[in-house]
C-alpha atoms as a PDB file:
ATOM      1  CA  MET A   1     128.041  80.879 136.934  1.00  0.00           C
ATOM      2  CA  ASP A   2     131.358  79.452 135.714  1.00  0.00           C
ATOM      3  CA  LEU A   3     131.756  75.896 137.051  1.00  0.00           C
ATOM      4  CA  LYS A   4     135.286  75.283 138.341  1.00  0.00           C
ATOM      5  CA  LEU A   5     136.647  71.973 137.120  1.00  0.00           C
ATOM      6  CA  PRO A   6     139.029  69.872 139.234  1.00  0.00           C
ATOM      7  CA  ASP A   7     142.683  69.798 138.151  1.00  0.00           C
ATOM      8  CA  GLU A   8     142.188  66.356 136.621  1.00  0.00           C
ATOM      9  CA  LEU A   9     139.593  67.709 134.157  1.00  0.00           C
ATOM     10  CA  ILE A  10     140.836  71.244 133.484  1.00  0.00           C
ATOM     11  CA  PHE A  11     142.339  70.062 130.187  1.00  0.00           C
ATOM     12  CA  ILE A  12     138.802  69.833 128.786  1.00  0.00           C
ATOM     13  CA  LYS A  13     138.220  73.541 129.387  1.00  0.00           C
ATOM     14  CA  ASN A  14     141.701  74.523 128.201  1.00  0.00           C
ATOM     15  CA  GLY A  15     141.300  72.601 124.970  1.00  0.00           C
ATOM     16  CA  LYS A  16     138.226  74.643 124.094  1.00  0.00           C
ATOM     17  CA  ALA A  17     139.640  78.017 125.139  1.00  0.00           C
ATOM     18  CA  ILE A  18     140.761  80.791 122.790  1.00  0.00           C
ATOM     19  CA  GLN A  19     144.458  80.201 122.203  1.00  0.00           C
ATOM     20  CA  HIS A  20     147.333  82.668 122.110  1.00  0.00           C
ATOM     21  CA  ARG A  21     149.117  83.512 118.873  1.00  0.00           C
ATOM     22  CA  SER A  22     152.460  85.006 118.018  1.00  0.00           C
ATOM     23  CA  ALA A  23     153.205  87.372 115.165  1.00  0.00           C
ATOM     24  CA  ALA A  24     156.919  87.544 116.007  1.00  0.00           C
ATOM     25  CA  SER A  25     159.323  86.947 113.137  1.00  0.00           C
ATOM     26  CA  MET A  26     161.583  83.880 113.093  1.00  0.00           C
ATOM     27  CA  GLU A  27     163.641  85.318 110.236  1.00  0.00           C
ATOM     28  CA  GLY A  28     166.976  83.509 110.076  1.00  0.00           C
ATOM     29  CA  LYS A  29     166.382  81.434 113.217  1.00  0.00           C
ATOM     30  CA  VAL A  30     167.629  77.857 112.879  1.00  0.00           C
ATOM     31  CA  CYS A  31     164.818  75.503 113.892  1.00  0.00           C
ATOM     32  CA  ILE A  32     165.027  71.705 114.049  1.00  0.00           C
ATOM     33  CA  ILE A  33     161.775  69.749 113.757  1.00  0.00           C
ATOM     34  CA  THR A  34     161.620  65.981 114.196  1.00  0.00           C
ATOM     35  CA  GLY A  35     158.728  64.117 112.597  1.00  0.00           C
ATOM     36  CA  ALA A  36     158.299  66.968 110.134  1.00  0.00           C
ATOM     37  CA  THR A  37     156.654  65.098 107.242  1.00  0.00           C
ATOM     38  CA  SER A  38     153.130  64.695 108.624  1.00  0.00           C
ATOM     39  CA  GLY A  39     150.600  65.853 111.194  1.00  0.00           C
ATOM     40  CA  VAL A  40     151.741  68.197 113.939  1.00  0.00           C
ATOM     41  CA  GLY A  41     155.367  68.311 112.775  1.00  0.00           C
ATOM     42  CA  LEU A  42     154.390  69.228 109.225  1.00  0.00           C
ATOM     43  CA  GLU A  43     152.114  72.034 110.404  1.00  0.00           C
ATOM     44  CA  ALA A  44     154.906  73.375 112.599  1.00  0.00           C
ATOM     45  CA  LEU A  45     157.236  73.223 109.598  1.00  0.00           C
ATOM     46  CA  LYS A  46     154.803  75.239 107.469  1.00  0.00           C
ATOM     47  CA  ARG A  47     154.190  77.839 110.162  1.00  0.00           C
ATOM     48  CA  LEU A  48     157.888  78.328 110.866  1.00  0.00           C
ATOM     49  CA  ALA A  49     158.559  78.590 107.140  1.00  0.00           C
ATOM     50  CA  ARG A  50     155.943  81.345 106.937  1.00  0.00           C
ATOM     51  CA  GLY A  51     157.767  83.021 109.817  1.00  0.00           C
ATOM     52  CA  GLY A  52     161.039  82.994 107.865  1.00  0.00           C
ATOM     53  CA  ALA A  53     162.957  80.340 109.804  1.00  0.00           C
ATOM     54  CA  HIS A  54     165.892  78.286 108.529  1.00  0.00           C
ATOM     55  CA  LEU A  55     164.530  74.755 108.922  1.00  0.00           C
ATOM     56  CA  ILE A  56     166.121  71.382 109.595  1.00  0.00           C
ATOM     57  CA  MET A  57     163.788  68.437 109.046  1.00  0.00           C
ATOM     58  CA  VAL A  58     164.676  65.237 110.921  1.00  0.00           C
ATOM     59  CA  CYS A  59     162.603  62.377 109.523  1.00  0.00           C
ATOM     60  CA  ARG A  60     162.636  58.749 108.372  1.00  0.00           C
ATOM     61  CA  ASN A  61     161.539  58.871 104.757  1.00  0.00           C
ATOM     62  CA  GLN A  62     163.999  60.584 102.408  1.00  0.00           C
ATOM     63  CA  GLU A  63     161.664  60.659  99.381  1.00  0.00           C
ATOM     64  CA  LYS A  64     158.752  62.115 101.342  1.00  0.00           C
ATOM     65  CA  ALA A  65     161.010  64.646 103.051  1.00  0.00           C
ATOM     66  CA  GLU A  66     162.472  65.877  99.761  1.00  0.00           C
ATOM     67  CA  ARG A  67     159.009  66.286  98.251  1.00  0.00           C
ATOM     68  CA  ILE A  68     157.818  68.319 101.243  1.00  0.00           C
ATOM     69  CA  ARG A  69     161.004  70.368 101.234  1.00  0.00           C
ATOM     70  CA  MET A  70     160.432  71.377  97.623  1.00  0.00           C
ATOM     71  CA  GLU A  71     156.785  72.254  98.284  1.00  0.00           C
ATOM     72  CA  ILE A  72     157.661  74.412 101.299  1.00  0.00           C
ATOM     73  CA  GLN A  73     160.541  76.159  99.551  1.00  0.00           C
ATOM     74  CA  ASP A  74     158.420  76.886  96.483  1.00  0.00           C
ATOM     75  CA  GLN A  75     155.914  78.692  98.676  1.00  0.00           C
ATOM     76  CA  TRP A  76     158.083  80.443 101.290  1.00  0.00           C
ATOM     77  CA  LYS A  77     161.638  80.505  99.843  1.00  0.00           C
ATOM     78  CA  VAL A  78     163.322  79.556 103.118  1.00  0.00           C
ATOM     79  CA  PRO A  79     166.407  77.340 103.521  1.00  0.00           C
ATOM     80  CA  ILE A  80     165.547  73.760 104.510  1.00  0.00           C
ATOM     81  CA  ASP A  81     167.936  70.916 105.274  1.00  0.00           C
ATOM     82  CA  VAL A  82     166.933  67.272 105.576  1.00  0.00           C
ATOM     83  CA  VAL A  83     168.491  64.835 108.059  1.00  0.00           C
ATOM     84  CA  ILE A  84     167.369  61.211 107.891  1.00  0.00           C
ATOM     85  CA  ALA A  85     166.983  59.224 111.111  1.00  0.00           C
ATOM     86  CA  ASP A  86     164.661  56.519 112.390  1.00  0.00           C
ATOM     87  CA  PHE A  87     163.978  57.292 116.057  1.00  0.00           C
ATOM     88  CA  SER A  88     163.486  53.620 116.865  1.00  0.00           C
ATOM     89  CA  CYS A  89     167.267  53.290 116.471  1.00  0.00           C
ATOM     90  CA  LEU A  90     169.323  55.336 118.931  1.00  0.00           C
ATOM     91  CA  ASP A  91     172.431  54.899 116.812  1.00  0.00           C
ATOM     92  CA  GLU A  92     170.660  56.782 114.005  1.00  0.00           C
ATOM     93  CA  VAL A  93     169.822  59.553 116.480  1.00  0.00           C
ATOM     94  CA  ARG A  94     173.524  59.827 117.325  1.00  0.00           C
ATOM     95  CA  LYS A  95     174.459  60.051 113.649  1.00  0.00           C
ATOM     96  CA  ALA A  96     171.780  62.688 113.013  1.00  0.00           C
ATOM     97  CA  ALA A  97     173.034  64.801 115.901  1.00  0.00           C
ATOM     98  CA  ALA A  98     176.622  64.559 114.664  1.00  0.00           C
ATOM     99  CA  LEU A  99     175.544  65.675 111.184  1.00  0.00           C
ATOM    100  CA  ILE A 100     173.581  68.638 112.538  1.00  0.00           C
ATOM    101  CA  ILE A 101     176.501  69.754 114.696  1.00  0.00           C
ATOM    102  CA  LYS A 102     178.884  69.421 111.766  1.00  0.00           C
ATOM    103  CA  ASN A 103     176.728  71.506 109.411  1.00  0.00           C
ATOM    104  CA  HIS A 104     175.207  74.094 111.731  1.00  0.00           C
ATOM    105  CA  SER A 105     177.030  76.474 114.037  1.00  0.00           C
ATOM    106  CA  GLU A 106     173.769  77.680 115.572  1.00  0.00           C
ATOM    107  CA  ILE A 107     170.542  76.088 116.819  1.00  0.00           C
ATOM    108  CA  ASP A 108     167.829  78.450 118.037  1.00  0.00           C
ATOM    109  CA  VAL A 109     164.888  76.074 118.463  1.00  0.00           C
ATOM    110  CA  LEU A 110     164.671  72.288 118.810  1.00  0.00           C
ATOM    111  CA  ILE A 111     161.159  70.867 118.369  1.00  0.00           C
ATOM    112  CA  HIS A 112     160.438  67.196 119.007  1.00  0.00           C
ATOM    113  CA  SER A 113     157.293  66.062 117.199  1.00  0.00           C
ATOM    114  CA  ALA A 114     158.171  62.517 116.096  1.00  0.00           C
ATOM    115  CA  GLY A 115     156.064  59.935 117.882  1.00  0.00           C
ATOM    116  CA  ILE A 116     154.251  56.617 117.555  1.00  0.00           C
ATOM    117  CA  TYR A 117     151.387  54.706 119.125  1.00  0.00           C
ATOM    118  CA  SER A 118     151.295  50.924 119.114  1.00  0.00           C
ATOM    119  CA  THR A 119     148.524  48.533 120.087  1.00  0.00           C
ATOM    120  CA  LYS A 120     151.076  45.750 120.631  1.00  0.00           C
ATOM    121  CA  ARG A 121     154.393  45.502 122.449  1.00  0.00           C
ATOM    122  CA  VAL A 122     157.235  45.607 119.928  1.00  0.00           C
ATOM    123  CA  CYS A 123     160.928  45.848 120.770  1.00  0.00           C
ATOM    124  CA  THR A 124     163.561  47.728 118.808  1.00  0.00           C
ATOM    125  CA  SER A 125     166.774  46.168 117.515  1.00  0.00           C
ATOM    126  CA  GLU A 126     168.470  47.661 120.572  1.00  0.00           C
ATOM    127  CA  GLY A 127     166.070  45.871 122.929  1.00  0.00           C
ATOM    128  CA  PHE A 128     163.776  48.714 124.022  1.00  0.00           C
ATOM    129  CA  GLU A 129     159.981  48.819 123.898  1.00  0.00           C
ATOM    130  CA  ARG A 130     159.473  50.785 120.693  1.00  0.00           C
ATOM    131  CA  VAL A 131     156.972  53.432 121.829  1.00  0.00           C
ATOM    132  CA  PHE A 132     159.140  54.287 124.832  1.00  0.00           C
ATOM    133  CA  ALA A 133     162.233  54.421 122.598  1.00  0.00           C
ATOM    134  CA  VAL A 134     160.716  56.690 119.934  1.00  0.00           C
ATOM    135  CA  ASN A 135     158.641  58.960 122.162  1.00  0.00           C
ATOM    136  CA  HIS A 136     161.045  59.340 125.066  1.00  0.00           C
ATOM    137  CA  LEU A 137     164.543  57.885 124.714  1.00  0.00           C
ATOM    138  CA  ALA A 138     165.261  59.271 121.234  1.00  0.00           C
ATOM    139  CA  PRO A 139     164.368  62.912 122.032  1.00  0.00           C
ATOM    140  CA  PHE A 140     166.061  62.610 125.433  1.00  0.00           C
ATOM    141  CA  LEU A 141     169.250  61.523 123.656  1.00  0.00           C
ATOM    142  CA  LEU A 142     169.016  64.134 120.893  1.00  0.00           C
ATOM    143  CA  ILE A 143     168.568  66.959 123.403  1.00  0.00           C
ATOM    144  CA  HIS A 144     171.686  65.885 125.259  1.00  0.00           C
ATOM    145  CA  LEU A 145     173.735  65.570 122.087  1.00  0.00           C
ATOM    146  CA  LEU A 146     172.726  69.031 120.837  1.00  0.00           C
ATOM    147  CA  LEU A 147     172.776  70.757 124.196  1.00  0.00           C
ATOM    148  CA  ASP A 148     176.211  72.339 123.933  1.00  0.00           C
ATOM    149  CA  ARG A 149     175.289  73.859 120.565  1.00  0.00           C
ATOM    150  CA  LEU A 150     171.997  75.144 121.997  1.00  0.00           C
ATOM    151  CA  LYS A 151     173.844  76.757 124.910  1.00  0.00           C
ATOM    152  CA  GLU A 152     176.317  78.355 122.509  1.00  0.00           C
ATOM    153  CA  SER A 153     173.343  79.747 120.536  1.00  0.00           C
ATOM    154  CA  ALA A 154     171.406  80.986 123.576  1.00  0.00           C
ATOM    155  CA  PRO A 155     168.821  82.284 123.978  1.00  0.00           C
ATOM    156  CA  ALA A 156     167.421  79.021 122.619  1.00  0.00           C
ATOM    157  CA  ARG A 157     164.266  76.967 123.141  1.00  0.00           C
ATOM    158  CA  ILE A 158     163.456  73.260 123.320  1.00  0.00           C
ATOM    159  CA  ILE A 159     159.834  72.243 122.725  1.00  0.00           C
ATOM    160  CA  LEU A 160     158.528  68.716 123.246  1.00  0.00           C
ATOM    161  CA  VAL A 161     155.233  67.686 121.666  1.00  0.00           C
ATOM    162  CA  ASN A 162     153.754  65.735 124.555  1.00  0.00           C
ATOM    163  CA  SER A 163     150.127  64.722 125.052  1.00  0.00           C
ATOM    164  CA  GLU A 164     147.186  64.665 127.425  1.00  0.00           C
ATOM    165  CA  GLY A 165     147.757  60.941 126.889  1.00  0.00           C
ATOM    166  CA  HIS A 166     150.323  61.164 129.691  1.00  0.00           C
ATOM    167  CA  ARG A 167     147.293  60.928 131.989  1.00  0.00           C
ATOM    168  CA  PHE A 168     146.985  57.220 131.078  1.00  0.00           C
ATOM    169  CA  ASN A 169     150.289  56.709 132.930  1.00  0.00           C
ATOM    170  CA  GLY A 170     151.561  53.086 132.750  1.00  0.00           C
ATOM    171  CA  LEU A 171     155.070  54.110 133.785  1.00  0.00           C
ATOM    172  CA  ASP A 172     156.856  51.523 135.929  1.00  0.00           C
ATOM    173  CA  PRO A 173     160.595  52.180 136.394  1.00  0.00           C
ATOM    174  CA  ASP A 174     161.112  48.510 137.203  1.00  0.00           C
ATOM    175  CA  ASP A 175     159.506  47.364 133.953  1.00  0.00           C
ATOM    176  CA  LEU A 176     160.093  50.009 131.272  1.00  0.00           C
ATOM    177  CA  ASN A 177     160.178  47.336 128.558  1.00  0.00           C
ATOM    178  CA  TRP A 178     156.872  45.761 129.656  1.00  0.00           C
ATOM    179  CA  GLU A 179     158.431  42.339 130.150  1.00  0.00           C
ATOM    180  CA  ARG A 180     156.417  41.507 133.284  1.00  0.00           C
ATOM    181  CA  ARG A 181     153.119  43.287 132.599  1.00  0.00           C
ATOM    182  CA  HIS A 182     150.371  43.039 130.008  1.00  0.00           C
ATOM    183  CA  TYR A 183     150.959  45.750 127.399  1.00  0.00           C
ATOM    184  CA  THR A 184     148.135  47.995 126.235  1.00  0.00           C
ATOM    185  CA  GLY A 185     148.451  50.769 123.701  1.00  0.00           C
ATOM    186  CA  LEU A 186     147.071  53.518 125.929  1.00  0.00           C
ATOM    187  CA  ARG A 187     149.255  52.666 128.915  1.00  0.00           C
ATOM    188  CA  GLY A 188     152.360  52.143 126.778  1.00  0.00           C
ATOM    189  CA  TYR A 189     151.817  55.537 125.177  1.00  0.00           C
ATOM    190  CA  GLY A 190     151.037  57.102 128.543  1.00  0.00           C
ATOM    191  CA  ALA A 191     154.245  55.701 130.011  1.00  0.00           C
ATOM    192  CA  SER A 192     156.360  57.241 127.263  1.00  0.00           C
ATOM    193  CA  LYS A 193     154.732  60.661 127.602  1.00  0.00           C
ATOM    194  CA  THR A 194     154.909  60.570 131.402  1.00  0.00           C
ATOM    195  CA  ALA A 195     158.631  59.775 131.248  1.00  0.00           C
ATOM    196  CA  GLN A 196     159.109  62.645 128.827  1.00  0.00           C
ATOM    197  CA  LEU A 197     157.380  65.132 131.141  1.00  0.00           C
ATOM    198  CA  LEU A 198     159.289  63.932 134.198  1.00  0.00           C
ATOM    199  CA  THR A 199     162.570  64.579 132.436  1.00  0.00           C
ATOM    200  CA  VAL A 200     161.426  68.015 131.232  1.00  0.00           C
ATOM    201  CA  TRP A 201     161.415  69.179 134.859  1.00  0.00           C
ATOM    202  CA  GLU A 202     164.894  67.689 135.330  1.00  0.00           C
ATOM    203  CA  PHE A 203     166.230  69.384 132.194  1.00  0.00           C
ATOM    204  CA  ALA A 204     164.699  72.702 133.262  1.00  0.00           C
ATOM    205  CA  ASP A 205     166.450  72.597 136.626  1.00  0.00           C
ATOM    206  CA  ARG A 206     169.801  71.789 135.044  1.00  0.00           C
ATOM    207  CA  LEU A 207     169.414  74.495 132.391  1.00  0.00           C
ATOM    208  CA  LYS A 208     168.769  77.354 134.835  1.00  0.00           C
ATOM    209  CA  GLY A 209     171.019  80.285 134.015  1.00  0.00           C
ATOM    210  CA  SER A 210     171.918  78.954 130.547  1.00  0.00           C
ATOM    211  CA  LYS A 211     169.238  80.942 128.654  1.00  0.00           C
ATOM    212  CA  VAL A 212     168.071  77.641 127.132  1.00  0.00           C
ATOM    213  CA  THR A 213     164.445  76.888 127.986  1.00  0.00           C
ATOM    214  CA  ILE A 214     162.512  73.644 127.720  1.00  0.00           C
ATOM    215  CA  ASN A 215     158.731  73.235 127.665  1.00  0.00           C
ATOM    216  CA  ALA A 216     156.190  70.623 126.613  1.00  0.00           C
ATOM    217  CA  LEU A 217     152.759  70.918 125.051  1.00  0.00           C
ATOM    218  CA  HIS A 218     149.691  68.959 124.166  1.00  0.00           C
ATOM    219  CA  PRO A 219     149.180  69.957 120.500  1.00  0.00           C
ATOM    220  CA  GLY A 220     145.391  69.819 120.614  1.00  0.00           C
ATOM    221  CA  ASP A 221     142.991  67.050 119.695  1.00  0.00           C
ATOM    222  CA  VAL A 222     143.927  66.986 116.033  1.00  0.00           C
ATOM    223  CA  LYS A 223     143.967  64.649 113.050  1.00  0.00           C
ATOM    224  CA  THR A 224     147.348  62.951 112.659  1.00  0.00           C
ATOM    225  CA  ASN A 225     148.627  59.676 111.253  1.00  0.00           C
ATOM    226  CA  ILE A 226     149.986  58.484 114.586  1.00  0.00           C
ATOM    227  CA  GLY A 227     149.040  54.828 114.905  1.00  0.00           C
ATOM    228  CA  ASN A 228     149.298  54.096 111.171  1.00  0.00           C
ATOM    229  CA  ASN A 229     151.921  51.481 112.046  1.00  0.00           C
ATOM    230  CA  ASN A 230     149.143  49.309 113.523  1.00  0.00           C
ATOM    231  CA  GLY A 231     146.857  46.801 111.801  1.00  0.00           C
ATOM    232  CA  TRP A 232     144.234  47.535 109.138  1.00  0.00           C
ATOM    233  CA  LEU A 233     141.325  47.571 111.605  1.00  0.00           C
ATOM    234  CA  TYR A 234     142.976  50.234 113.766  1.00  0.00           C
ATOM    235  CA  ARG A 235     143.854  52.295 110.694  1.00  0.00           C
ATOM    236  CA  TRP A 236     140.307  52.055 109.341  1.00  0.00           C
ATOM    237  CA  PHE A 237     138.821  53.140 112.686  1.00  0.00           C
ATOM    238  CA  LEU A 238     141.333  55.999 112.969  1.00  0.00           C
ATOM    239  CA  HIS A 239     140.562  57.474 109.558  1.00  0.00           C
ATOM    240  CA  HIS A 240     136.823  56.734 109.335  1.00  0.00           C
ATOM    241  CA  VAL A 241     135.678  57.238 112.926  1.00  0.00           C
ATOM    242  CA  THR A 242     138.217  58.931 115.212  1.00  0.00           C
ATOM    243  CA  TRP A 243     139.151  61.651 112.728  1.00  0.00           C
ATOM    244  CA  HIS A 244     135.527  62.882 112.623  1.00  0.00           C
ATOM    245  CA  PHE A 245     135.912  64.092 116.224  1.00  0.00           C
ATOM    246  CA  LEU A 246     139.290  65.782 115.757  1.00  0.00           C
ATOM    247  CA  LYS A 247     140.431  69.218 114.564  1.00  0.00           C
ATOM    248  CA  ASP A 248     142.701  70.359 111.756  1.00  0.00           C
ATOM    249  CA  PRO A 249     146.355  70.097 112.900  1.00  0.00           C
ATOM    250  CA  VAL A 250     146.950  73.661 111.698  1.00  0.00           C
ATOM    251  CA  ILE A 251     146.104  74.705 115.266  1.00  0.00           C
ATOM    252  CA  SER A 252     149.090  72.677 116.468  1.00  0.00           C
ATOM    253  CA  GLY A 253     151.397  74.549 114.124  1.00  0.00           C
ATOM    254  CA  GLU A 254     150.179  77.851 115.529  1.00  0.00           C
ATOM    255  CA  ALA A 255     150.637  76.634 119.106  1.00  0.00           C
ATOM    256  CA  ILE A 256     154.193  75.461 118.469  1.00  0.00           C
ATOM    257  CA  TYR A 257     155.011  78.728 116.707  1.00  0.00           C
ATOM    258  CA  TYR A 258     153.771  80.619 119.750  1.00  0.00           C
ATOM    259  CA  LEU A 259     156.004  78.607 122.101  1.00  0.00           C
ATOM    260  CA  ALA A 260     158.952  78.964 119.719  1.00  0.00           C
ATOM    261  CA  SER A 261     158.689  82.684 119.008  1.00  0.00           C
ATOM    262  CA  ASP A 262     156.667  84.691 121.493  1.00  0.00           C
ATOM    263  CA  PRO A 263     158.929  87.204 123.285  1.00  0.00           C
ATOM    264  CA  GLY A 264     156.955  86.805 126.509  1.00  0.00           C
ATOM    265  CA  LEU A 265     158.054  83.170 126.782  1.00  0.00           C
ATOM    266  CA  ARG A 266     161.756  83.886 126.453  1.00  0.00           C
ATOM    267  CA  ASP A 267     162.467  82.994 130.092  1.00  0.00           C
ATOM    268  CA  VAL A 268     159.609  80.530 130.647  1.00  0.00           C
ATOM    269  CA  SER A 269     160.888  76.995 131.238  1.00  0.00           C
ATOM    270  CA  GLY A 270     159.789  73.718 132.783  1.00  0.00           C
ATOM    271  CA  ARG A 271     156.104  74.157 131.933  1.00  0.00           C
ATOM    272  CA  PHE A 272     153.367  72.088 130.300  1.00  0.00           C
ATOM    273  CA  PHE A 273     150.931  73.770 127.927  1.00  0.00           C
ATOM    274  CA  ASN A 274     147.616  72.628 126.509  1.00  0.00           C
ATOM    275  CA  GLN A 275     148.345  74.179 123.114  1.00  0.00           C
ATOM    276  CA  THR A 276     149.228  77.662 124.410  1.00  0.00           C
ATOM    277  CA  ILE A 277     147.591  77.649 127.839  1.00  0.00           C
ATOM    278  CA  GLU A 278     149.748  76.635 130.774  1.00  0.00           C
ATOM    279  CA  GLU A 279     148.297  73.611 132.530  1.00  0.00           C
ATOM    280  CA  LYS A 280     149.030  71.398 135.508  1.00  0.00           C
ATOM    281  CA  PRO A 281     149.890  67.837 134.376  1.00  0.00           C
ATOM    282  CA  ALA A 282     148.612  64.723 136.123  1.00  0.00           C
ATOM    283  CA  ALA A 283     149.991  64.184 139.634  1.00  0.00           C
ATOM    284  CA  HIS A 284     152.092  61.165 138.649  1.00  0.00           C
ATOM    285  CA  ALA A 285     153.914  63.301 136.065  1.00  0.00           C
ATOM    286  CA  LEU A 286     154.946  65.743 138.812  1.00  0.00           C
ATOM    287  CA  ASP A 287     156.618  63.165 141.070  1.00  0.00           C
ATOM    288  CA  ARG A 288     160.155  64.533 141.288  1.00  0.00           C
ATOM    289  CA  GLY A 289     161.463  61.465 143.071  1.00  0.00           C
ATOM    290  CA  LEU A 290     160.244  59.276 140.230  1.00  0.00           C
ATOM    291  CA  GLY A 291     161.565  61.858 137.775  1.00  0.00           C
ATOM    292  CA  LYS A 292     165.098  61.609 139.123  1.00  0.00           C
ATOM    293  CA  ARG A 293     164.921  57.830 138.837  1.00  0.00           C
ATOM    294  CA  ILE A 294     163.641  57.987 135.247  1.00  0.00           C
ATOM    295  CA  TRP A 295     166.371  60.533 134.451  1.00  0.00           C
ATOM    296  CA  ASP A 296     169.084  58.151 135.679  1.00  0.00           C
ATOM    297  CA  LEU A 297     167.541  55.180 133.888  1.00  0.00           C
ATOM    298  CA  SER A 298     167.248  57.194 130.670  1.00  0.00           C
ATOM    299  CA  LEU A 299     170.917  58.171 130.886  1.00  0.00           C
ATOM    300  CA  LYS A 300     171.831  54.514 131.264  1.00  0.00           C
ATOM    301  CA  MET A 301     169.537  53.270 128.481  1.00  0.00           C
ATOM    302  CA  THR A 302     170.900  55.830 126.012  1.00  0.00           C
ATOM    303  CA  GLY A 303     174.525  55.291 127.013  1.00  0.00           C
ATOM    304  CA  LEU A 304     174.844  58.869 128.237  1.00  0.00           C
ATOM    305  CA  ASP A 305     175.793  57.914 131.801  1.00  0.00           C
ATOM    306  CA  SER A 306     179.359  57.059 130.796  1.00  0.00           C
ATOM    307  CA  LYS A 307     179.667  60.325 128.787  1.00  0.00           C
ATOM    308  CA  ILE A 308     178.564  62.405 131.743  1.00  0.00           C
ATOM    309  CA  GLN A 309     180.847  60.551 134.153  1.00  0.00           C
ATOM    310  CA  SER A 310     183.756  61.485 131.879  1.00  0.00           C
ATOM    311  CA  GLY A 311     182.888  65.191 132.013  1.00  0.00           C
ATOM    312  CA  GLY A 312     180.179  65.672 129.350  1.00  0.00           C
ATOM    313  CA  SER A 313     177.177  68.025 129.464  1.00  0.00           C
ATOM    314  CA  ILE A 314     174.585  67.865 132.248  1.00  0.00           C
END
């Protein structure tokens, strides 16, 4: 007899299920991947290269990016461009978007994989809690800045690498910078991923009829270097203990390729997937009232509110 799990625990079953795969070609499709030099982003880069895509890597480290670009091109002979941006600085996100728009007349897929986890509260130079800035504000801003080009290229897809970590929550719209609460790594991370999901539903509503879709996924319980910015004890535990319980991130690359390429998902938008299986997020991440508030706050924090008031996109 198959035991039915409650919604709160269905992610356990979904994570162990046989996943979907796509054999569709991405030949000539222009695909942007943030955080493409390690972990989930790197596996997505490799899989899309194997599928024939024209790739744009958005990453922090120029030397590492160039080395990976050469390795990928040697194996799959696909065009790859590198754009350097640190997502903890929103001004660098703006410059990256401007460069992409200048050099590319078409964007078919935008994949956000860049992310961090921090055990301590750290603020960016622009005054935002860093995990919230990198995991939520930066992709929120980049989507907005590239949205007109995505609409011009439609059908197009936006994919956000989210996490089952959104279930830790921690999101308080009155204290997004954790100035009045005790910061913990799990809740800080959960807050950023919850905010991201809440705005996915808002984007999806606003994109109806545009042939641009937006979805989010948990990439699987895989080995990545997220958290390497923390102290030596955390890093040691990550690599010598935690990694023993995690899977090869190649499964994440396959899952992202499925969401980016499968013809059956062409019109699917505003969904959350556990790898490739659609899943219901935690209840707090489905609160549309809270979502509208986070949307407005995100517009203000990224400086997009004034752009929209003057007639910009969304």
